Amino acid sequence: MCGAPTRGSATLRERALMSTNTKTPTRELAQRLSGTVEVLLLWHPAIEQVELSVCDPATGTGFHLDVAPDNALDAFHHPYAYAAGREARAERTIVDG
């Protein structure tokens, strides 16, 4: 999903902040590094959506999730727990559906 940046390629932050609509660029709300894992909280004003982006270039793994604004800081501080909770809720919805 995310790989280590190669020479001449955009970093995770640069790719995340690129926008097709130059009038309303994506805004970085928060960024942190934990070991090799980079966590970004992004706001896409054109679609009024908050996104959580997690990338570990050392392993080439990561994920992106849409986040409800009320849960944004919790997701930012606990991205793996938040992702696991969403996955569990989705599974319950499908099974119980």
Protein backbone atom coordinates (compact mmCIF):
# COMPACT_ATOMS: atom_id res chain seq x y z
CA MET A 1 0.00 0.00 0.00
CA CYS A 2 2.70 2.43 0.90
CA GLY A 3 6.25 1.82 0.00
CA ALA A 4 9.51 3.38 0.95
CA PRO A 5 9.93 6.58 -1.05
CA THR A 6 12.18 6.08 -4.02
CA ARG A 7 14.43 8.72 -5.47
CA GLY A 8 12.27 11.31 -7.17
CA SER A 9 9.01 9.98 -5.77
CA ALA A 10 6.70 12.00 -3.56
CA THR A 11 6.72 11.29 0.17
CA LEU A 12 3.54 10.14 1.89
CA ARG A 13 2.87 13.69 3.07
CA GLU A 14 3.41 15.18 -0.39
CA ARG A 15 1.13 12.59 -2.02
CA ALA A 16 -1.55 13.10 0.64
CA LEU A 17 -1.50 16.88 0.26
CA MET A 18 -1.78 16.82 -3.52
CA SER A 19 -5.27 17.68 -4.66
CA THR A 20 -7.05 17.63 -7.97
CA ASN A 21 -8.86 20.81 -6.93
CA THR A 22 -6.27 23.53 -6.38
CA LYS A 23 -8.86 25.90 -4.88
CA THR A 24 -9.42 23.57 -1.92
CA PRO A 25 -6.20 21.67 -1.24
CA THR A 26 -6.08 18.91 1.32
CA ARG A 27 -5.00 20.22 4.73
CA GLU A 28 -2.78 18.41 7.18
CA LEU A 29 -4.40 18.60 10.61
CA ALA A 30 -1.81 16.55 12.48
CA GLN A 31 1.29 14.47 11.82
CA ARG A 32 3.39 12.22 14.00
CA LEU A 33 6.10 9.64 13.67
CA SER A 34 6.24 6.57 15.91
CA GLY A 35 9.36 4.59 15.09
CA THR A 36 9.10 4.23 11.32
CA VAL A 37 5.31 4.61 11.23
CA GLU A 38 3.99 7.94 9.97
CA VAL A 39 0.45 8.89 10.98
CA LEU A 40 -1.34 11.74 9.21
CA LEU A 41 -4.72 13.27 9.91
CA LEU A 42 -5.98 15.06 6.80
CA TRP A 43 -8.94 17.28 5.98
CA HIS A 44 -10.38 17.26 2.46
CA PRO A 45 -12.51 20.45 2.41
CA ALA A 46 -13.88 19.86 -1.09
CA ILE A 47 -15.67 16.73 0.14
CA GLU A 48 -15.79 17.68 3.85
CA GLN A 49 -14.04 14.47 4.89
CA VAL A 50 -11.37 13.65 7.47
CA GLU A 51 -8.88 10.93 6.53
CA LEU A 52 -6.47 8.94 8.68
CA SER A 53 -3.36 7.79 6.81
CA VAL A 54 -0.89 5.33 8.33
CA CYS A 55 2.29 4.29 6.54
CA ASP A 56 5.30 2.22 7.58
CA PRO A 57 7.94 2.59 4.84
CA ALA A 58 10.14 0.01 6.60
CA THR A 59 7.59 -2.74 5.89
CA GLY A 60 5.75 -1.17 2.96
CA THR A 61 2.42 -1.47 4.75
CA GLY A 62 -0.21 1.07 5.64
CA PHE A 63 -3.83 2.02 5.33
CA HIS A 64 -6.19 4.94 4.82
CA LEU A 65 -9.54 5.35 6.55
CA ASP A 66 -12.28 7.93 6.44
CA VAL A 67 -12.89 9.16 9.98
CA ALA A 68 -15.89 10.89 11.49
CA PRO A 69 -14.80 14.35 12.71
CA ASP A 70 -15.88 13.48 16.27
CA ASN A 71 -13.47 10.50 16.25
CA ALA A 72 -10.54 12.16 14.48
CA LEU A 73 -8.21 12.72 17.43
CA ASP A 74 -8.94 9.30 18.92
CA ALA A 75 -8.17 7.68 15.56
CA PHE A 76 -4.99 9.78 15.21
CA HIS A 77 -3.66 8.74 18.63
CA HIS A 78 -4.77 5.08 18.36
CA PRO A 79 -4.87 4.27 14.62
CA TYR A 80 -4.56 0.49 14.89
CA ALA A 81 -7.21 0.20 17.61
CA TYR A 82 -9.51 2.48 15.63
CA ALA A 83 -9.00 0.44 12.44
CA ALA A 84 -9.61 -2.84 14.29
CA GLY A 85 -12.78 -1.45 15.88
CA ARG A 86 -14.12 -0.35 12.50
CA GLU A 87 -13.34 -3.77 11.04
CA ALA A 88 -15.16 -5.52 13.88
CA ARG A 89 -18.20 -3.25 13.46
CA ALA A 90 -18.25 -3.90 9.70
CA GLU A 91 -18.13 -7.67 10.28
CA ARG A 92 -21.01 -7.47 12.78
CA THR A 93 -23.05 -5.40 10.32
CA ILE A 94 -22.50 -7.93 7.53
CA VAL A 95 -23.30 -10.93 9.74
CA ASP A 96 -26.22 -9.30 11.55
CA GLY A 97 -27.26 -7.34 8.45
